[in-house]
C-alpha atoms as a PDB file:
ATOM      1  CA  MET A   1       0.000   0.000   0.000  1.00  0.00           C
ATOM      2  CA  LYS A   2       1.284   3.456  -0.875  1.00  0.00           C
ATOM      3  CA  ASN A   3       2.095   5.807   1.960  1.00  0.00           C
ATOM      4  CA  ILE A   4      -0.354   8.680   1.521  1.00  0.00           C
ATOM      5  CA  PRO A   5       0.055  11.086   4.451  1.00  0.00           C
ATOM      6  CA  PHE A   6      -3.269  12.864   4.010  1.00  0.00           C
ATOM      7  CA  LEU A   7      -5.106   9.564   4.471  1.00  0.00           C
ATOM      8  CA  ASP A   8      -3.359   9.056   7.800  1.00  0.00           C
ATOM      9  CA  ASN A   9      -4.587  12.480   8.909  1.00  0.00           C
ATOM     10  CA  TRP A  10      -8.086  11.714   7.677  1.00  0.00           C
ATOM     11  CA  LEU A  11      -8.090   8.393   9.497  1.00  0.00           C
ATOM     12  CA  LYS A  12      -7.071  10.103  12.731  1.00  0.00           C
ATOM     13  CA  ARG A  13      -9.799  12.715  12.329  1.00  0.00           C
ATOM     14  CA  ARG A  14     -12.408  10.027  11.691  1.00  0.00           C
ATOM     15  CA  ASP A  15     -11.102   7.931  14.613  1.00  0.00           C
ATOM     16  CA  THR A  16     -11.051   4.908  12.310  1.00  0.00           C
ATOM     17  CA  ALA A  17      -8.802   1.917  12.851  1.00  0.00           C
ATOM     18  CA  ARG A  18      -6.009   1.330  10.335  1.00  0.00           C
ATOM     19  CA  GLY A  19      -6.963  -1.112   7.609  1.00  0.00           C
ATOM     20  CA  THR A  20     -10.631  -0.191   7.655  1.00  0.00           C
ATOM     21  CA  ALA A  21     -12.169   0.642   4.278  1.00  0.00           C
ATOM     22  CA  LEU A  22     -12.645   4.390   3.933  1.00  0.00           C
ATOM     23  CA  PHE A  23     -15.403   4.520   1.342  1.00  0.00           C
ATOM     24  CA  GLY A  24     -19.125   4.154   1.749  1.00  0.00           C
ATOM     25  CA  PRO A  25     -21.299   5.128   4.683  1.00  0.00           C
ATOM     26  CA  GLY A  26     -20.022   4.668   8.223  1.00  0.00           C
ATOM     27  CA  ALA A  27     -21.679   2.505  10.822  1.00  0.00           C
ATOM     28  CA  ASP A  28     -24.110   5.329  11.570  1.00  0.00           C
ATOM     29  CA  GLY A  29     -25.036   5.635   7.864  1.00  0.00           C
ATOM     30  CA  ASP A  30     -23.225   8.957   7.554  1.00  0.00           C
ATOM     31  CA  SER A  31     -20.349   9.313   5.119  1.00  0.00           C
ATOM     32  CA  ASP A  32     -17.870  12.174   5.311  1.00  0.00           C
ATOM     33  CA  THR A  33     -17.474  12.762   1.603  1.00  0.00           C
ATOM     34  CA  GLU A  34     -17.301  16.536   2.087  1.00  0.00           C
ATOM     35  CA  GLY A  35     -14.489  16.160   4.629  1.00  0.00           C
ATOM     36  CA  LEU A  36     -12.623  13.834   2.310  1.00  0.00           C
ATOM     37  CA  ALA A  37     -13.112  16.225  -0.621  1.00  0.00           C
ATOM     38  CA  GLU A  38     -11.746  19.122   1.456  1.00  0.00           C
ATOM     39  CA  LEU A  39      -8.750  17.079   2.543  1.00  0.00           C
ATOM     40  CA  LEU A  40      -7.966  15.932  -0.993  1.00  0.00           C
ATOM     41  CA  ALA A  41      -8.252  19.517  -2.283  1.00  0.00           C
ATOM     42  CA  GLU A  42      -5.503  20.843   0.018  1.00  0.00           C
ATOM     43  CA  CYS A  43      -2.648  20.067  -2.416  1.00  0.00           C
ATOM     44  CA  GLU A  44      -0.242  22.184  -0.350  1.00  0.00           C
ATOM     45  CA  LEU A  45       2.917  21.573  -2.379  1.00  0.00           C
ATOM     46  CA  LEU A  46       1.251  22.307  -5.717  1.00  0.00           C
ATOM     47  CA  ARG A  47      -0.462  25.416  -4.354  1.00  0.00           C
ATOM     48  CA  SER A  48       2.860  26.600  -2.921  1.00  0.00           C
ATOM     49  CA  ARG A  49       4.779  26.066  -6.184  1.00  0.00           C
ATOM     50  CA  ALA A  50       1.997  27.715  -8.192  1.00  0.00           C
ATOM     51  CA  GLY A  51       1.991  30.645  -5.757  1.00  0.00           C
ATOM     52  CA  ASP A  52       5.770  30.973  -6.156  1.00  0.00           C
ATOM     53  CA  ALA A  53       5.117  31.383  -9.891  1.00  0.00           C
ATOM     54  CA  GLY A  54       2.427  34.019  -9.236  1.00  0.00           C
ATOM     55  CA  LEU A  55      -0.524  31.704  -9.878  1.00  0.00           C
ATOM     56  CA  GLU A  56      -3.360  31.381  -7.377  1.00  0.00           C
ATOM     57  CA  LEU A  57      -5.251  28.123  -7.772  1.00  0.00           C
ATOM     58  CA  ASP A  58      -8.980  28.809  -7.523  1.00  0.00           C
ATOM     59  CA  ASP A  59     -10.298  25.288  -8.243  1.00  0.00           C
ATOM     60  CA  SER A  60     -11.530  26.292 -11.700  1.00  0.00           C
ATOM     61  CA  PRO A  61     -10.950  24.667 -15.094  1.00  0.00           C
ATOM     62  CA  ALA A  62      -9.091  27.858 -16.134  1.00  0.00           C
ATOM     63  CA  SER A  63      -6.567  27.247 -13.345  1.00  0.00           C
ATOM     64  CA  LEU A  64      -5.750  23.868 -14.909  1.00  0.00           C
ATOM     65  CA  GLU A  65      -4.890  25.655 -18.151  1.00  0.00           C
ATOM     66  CA  ALA A  66      -2.687  28.077 -16.200  1.00  0.00           C
ATOM     67  CA  LEU A  67      -0.887  25.165 -14.492  1.00  0.00           C
ATOM     68  CA  ASP A  68      -0.213  23.613 -17.893  1.00  0.00           C
ATOM     69  CA  GLN A  69       1.620  26.817 -18.868  1.00  0.00           C
ATOM     70  CA  LEU A  70       4.002  26.861 -15.883  1.00  0.00           C
ATOM     71  CA  THR A  71       7.680  26.186 -16.490  1.00  0.00           C
ATOM     72  CA  PRO A  72       8.228  22.732 -14.952  1.00  0.00           C
ATOM     73  CA  ARG A  73      11.046  23.623 -12.546  1.00  0.00           C
ATOM     74  CA  TRP A  74       9.971  20.773 -10.245  1.00  0.00           C
ATOM     75  CA  ARG A  75      11.494  18.294 -12.696  1.00  0.00           C
ATOM     76  CA  ASP A  76      14.893  19.399 -11.376  1.00  0.00           C
ATOM     77  CA  ASP A  77      14.083  17.865  -7.982  1.00  0.00           C
ATOM     78  CA  PRO A  78      13.544  14.085  -8.262  1.00  0.00           C
ATOM     79  CA  GLU A  79      12.480  13.870  -4.610  1.00  0.00           C
ATOM     80  CA  GLU A  80       9.761  16.489  -5.009  1.00  0.00           C
ATOM     81  CA  LEU A  81       8.523  15.272  -8.389  1.00  0.00           C
ATOM     82  CA  PRO A  82       6.251  12.422  -7.187  1.00  0.00           C
ATOM     83  CA  TRP A  83       4.756  14.577  -4.419  1.00  0.00           C
ATOM     84  CA  LEU A  84       4.012  17.389  -6.820  1.00  0.00           C
ATOM     85  CA  GLY A  85       2.527  14.923  -9.326  1.00  0.00           C
ATOM     86  CA  ASN A  86       0.335  13.463  -6.601  1.00  0.00           C
ATOM     87  CA  ASP A  87      -0.872  16.964  -5.682  1.00  0.00           C
ATOM     88  CA  ALA A  88      -1.498  17.793  -9.359  1.00  0.00           C
ATOM     89  CA  GLY A  89      -3.692  14.714  -9.669  1.00  0.00           C
ATOM     90  CA  LEU A  90      -5.593  15.544  -6.504  1.00  0.00           C
ATOM     91  CA  TYR A  91      -6.062  19.115  -7.695  1.00  0.00           C
ATOM     92  CA  LEU A  92      -7.345  17.881 -11.068  1.00  0.00           C
ATOM     93  CA  GLY A  93      -9.755  15.593  -9.230  1.00  0.00           C
ATOM     94  CA  SER A  94     -10.913  18.436  -6.989  1.00  0.00           C
ATOM     95  CA  VAL A  95     -11.688  20.631  -9.994  1.00  0.00           C
ATOM     96  CA  ILE A  96     -13.604  17.766 -11.619  1.00  0.00           C
ATOM     97  CA  VAL A  97     -15.598  17.017  -8.448  1.00  0.00           C
ATOM     98  CA  ARG A  98     -16.482  20.692  -7.986  1.00  0.00           C
ATOM     99  CA  THR A  99     -17.459  21.427 -11.590  1.00  0.00           C
ATOM    100  CA  VAL A 100     -18.638  18.230 -13.314  1.00  0.00           C
ATOM    101  CA  PRO A 101     -22.195  17.234 -12.345  1.00  0.00           C
ATOM    102  CA  GLY A 102     -22.357  13.843 -10.610  1.00  0.00           C
ATOM    103  CA  ALA A 103     -18.579  13.516 -10.088  1.00  0.00           C
ATOM    104  CA  ALA A 104     -17.451  12.414  -6.624  1.00  0.00           C
ATOM    105  CA  TRP A 105     -14.372  11.142  -4.828  1.00  0.00           C
ATOM    106  CA  GLN A 106     -14.101   7.408  -4.255  1.00  0.00           C
ATOM    107  CA  LEU A 107     -11.373   5.469  -2.481  1.00  0.00           C
ATOM    108  CA  TRP A 108     -10.319   2.125  -3.847  1.00  0.00           C
ATOM    109  CA  PRO A 109      -9.707  -0.607  -1.233  1.00  0.00           C
ATOM    110  CA  SER A 110      -5.980   0.152  -1.605  1.00  0.00           C
ATOM    111  CA  GLY A 111      -6.655   3.715  -0.427  1.00  0.00           C
ATOM    112  CA  GLN A 112      -6.079   5.210  -3.887  1.00  0.00           C
ATOM    113  CA  PRO A 113      -8.384   8.202  -4.422  1.00  0.00           C
ATOM    114  CA  VAL A 114     -10.168   8.261  -7.779  1.00  0.00           C
ATOM    115  CA  VAL A 115     -12.974  10.345  -9.211  1.00  0.00           C
ATOM    116  CA  ARG A 116     -16.154   8.475 -10.020  1.00  0.00           C
ATOM    117  CA  LEU A 117     -18.220  10.105 -12.757  1.00  0.00           C
ATOM    118  CA  ALA A 118     -22.022   9.986 -13.028  1.00  0.00           C
ATOM    119  CA  SER A 119     -21.562   7.434 -15.843  1.00  0.00           C
ATOM    120  CA  GLY A 120     -19.835   5.091 -13.382  1.00  0.00           C
ATOM    121  CA  ARG A 121     -16.414   5.543 -14.976  1.00  0.00           C
ATOM    122  CA  GLU A 122     -13.579   5.903 -12.471  1.00  0.00           C
ATOM    123  CA  VAL A 123     -10.736   8.266 -13.316  1.00  0.00           C
ATOM    124  CA  ASN A 124      -7.362   7.691 -11.674  1.00  0.00           C
ATOM    125  CA  VAL A 125      -6.521  11.377 -11.432  1.00  0.00           C
ATOM    126  CA  VAL A 126      -3.326  10.804  -9.448  1.00  0.00           C
ATOM    127  CA  GLU A 127      -1.912   8.785 -12.327  1.00  0.00           C
ATOM    128  CA  PHE A 128      -2.701  11.658 -14.719  1.00  0.00           C
ATOM    129  CA  GLY A 129      -1.077  14.114 -12.292  1.00  0.00           C
ATOM    130  CA  LEU A 130       2.089  12.051 -12.069  1.00  0.00           C
ATOM    131  CA  ASP A 131       2.289  11.767 -15.874  1.00  0.00           C
ATOM    132  CA  TRP A 132       1.799  15.532 -16.141  1.00  0.00           C
ATOM    133  CA  ALA A 133       4.509  16.276 -13.576  1.00  0.00           C
ATOM    134  CA  VAL A 134       7.045  13.922 -15.146  1.00  0.00           C
ATOM    135  CA  ASN A 135       6.283  14.303 -18.865  1.00  0.00           C
ATOM    136  CA  GLY A 136       4.066  17.360 -19.206  1.00  0.00           C
ATOM    137  CA  ALA A 137       1.444  15.222 -20.915  1.00  0.00           C
ATOM    138  CA  PRO A 138      -1.368  14.767 -20.911  1.00  0.00           C
ATOM    139  CA  GLU A 139      -2.092  18.353 -19.971  1.00  0.00           C
ATOM    140  CA  LEU A 140      -4.365  18.688 -16.956  1.00  0.00           C
ATOM    141  CA  SER A 141      -6.766  20.900 -18.913  1.00  0.00           C
ATOM    142  CA  GLN A 142      -6.969  18.255 -21.656  1.00  0.00           C
ATOM    143  CA  VAL A 143      -7.864  15.530 -19.144  1.00  0.00           C
ATOM    144  CA  TYR A 144     -10.487  17.832 -17.638  1.00  0.00           C
ATOM    145  CA  ALA A 145     -11.991  18.585 -21.077  1.00  0.00           C
ATOM    146  CA  GLU A 146     -12.245  14.873 -21.902  1.00  0.00           C
ATOM    147  CA  VAL A 147     -13.760  13.975 -18.532  1.00  0.00           C
ATOM    148  CA  SER A 148     -16.259  16.849 -18.529  1.00  0.00           C
ATOM    149  CA  GLU A 149     -17.622  15.684 -21.903  1.00  0.00           C
ATOM    150  CA  LEU A 150     -18.481  12.191 -20.620  1.00  0.00           C
END
């Protein structure tokens, strides 16, 4: 299982034992999808790097286009690259969840966050974010455009 620090924090906040599935309603029938969405939208490293470049991320599709235009200085730091790619994927997912009707966060049993569309399709946004951070393609705005058309 991948070490995803934000899930550890979420688990602590939910007072849930390690190894317990994090998706679906809790024992009381209440799911904390809003709390999970807020946690996944933090993307601190990406927001910091974007801010350093003068870009404020406002969770809009236009901000994805602006991110695609940034000079990829993070590629110079192999230790930061996967973290930034993870954040880019989570940010992409957050924009999709906030702007595409019927889209919602889902956690796979492995703990991997994905976006589930109204059609039932699951989009592994973290994988797209990592590809974007490492290769610059596909562009985040392109992924968003394709997903929002489904």
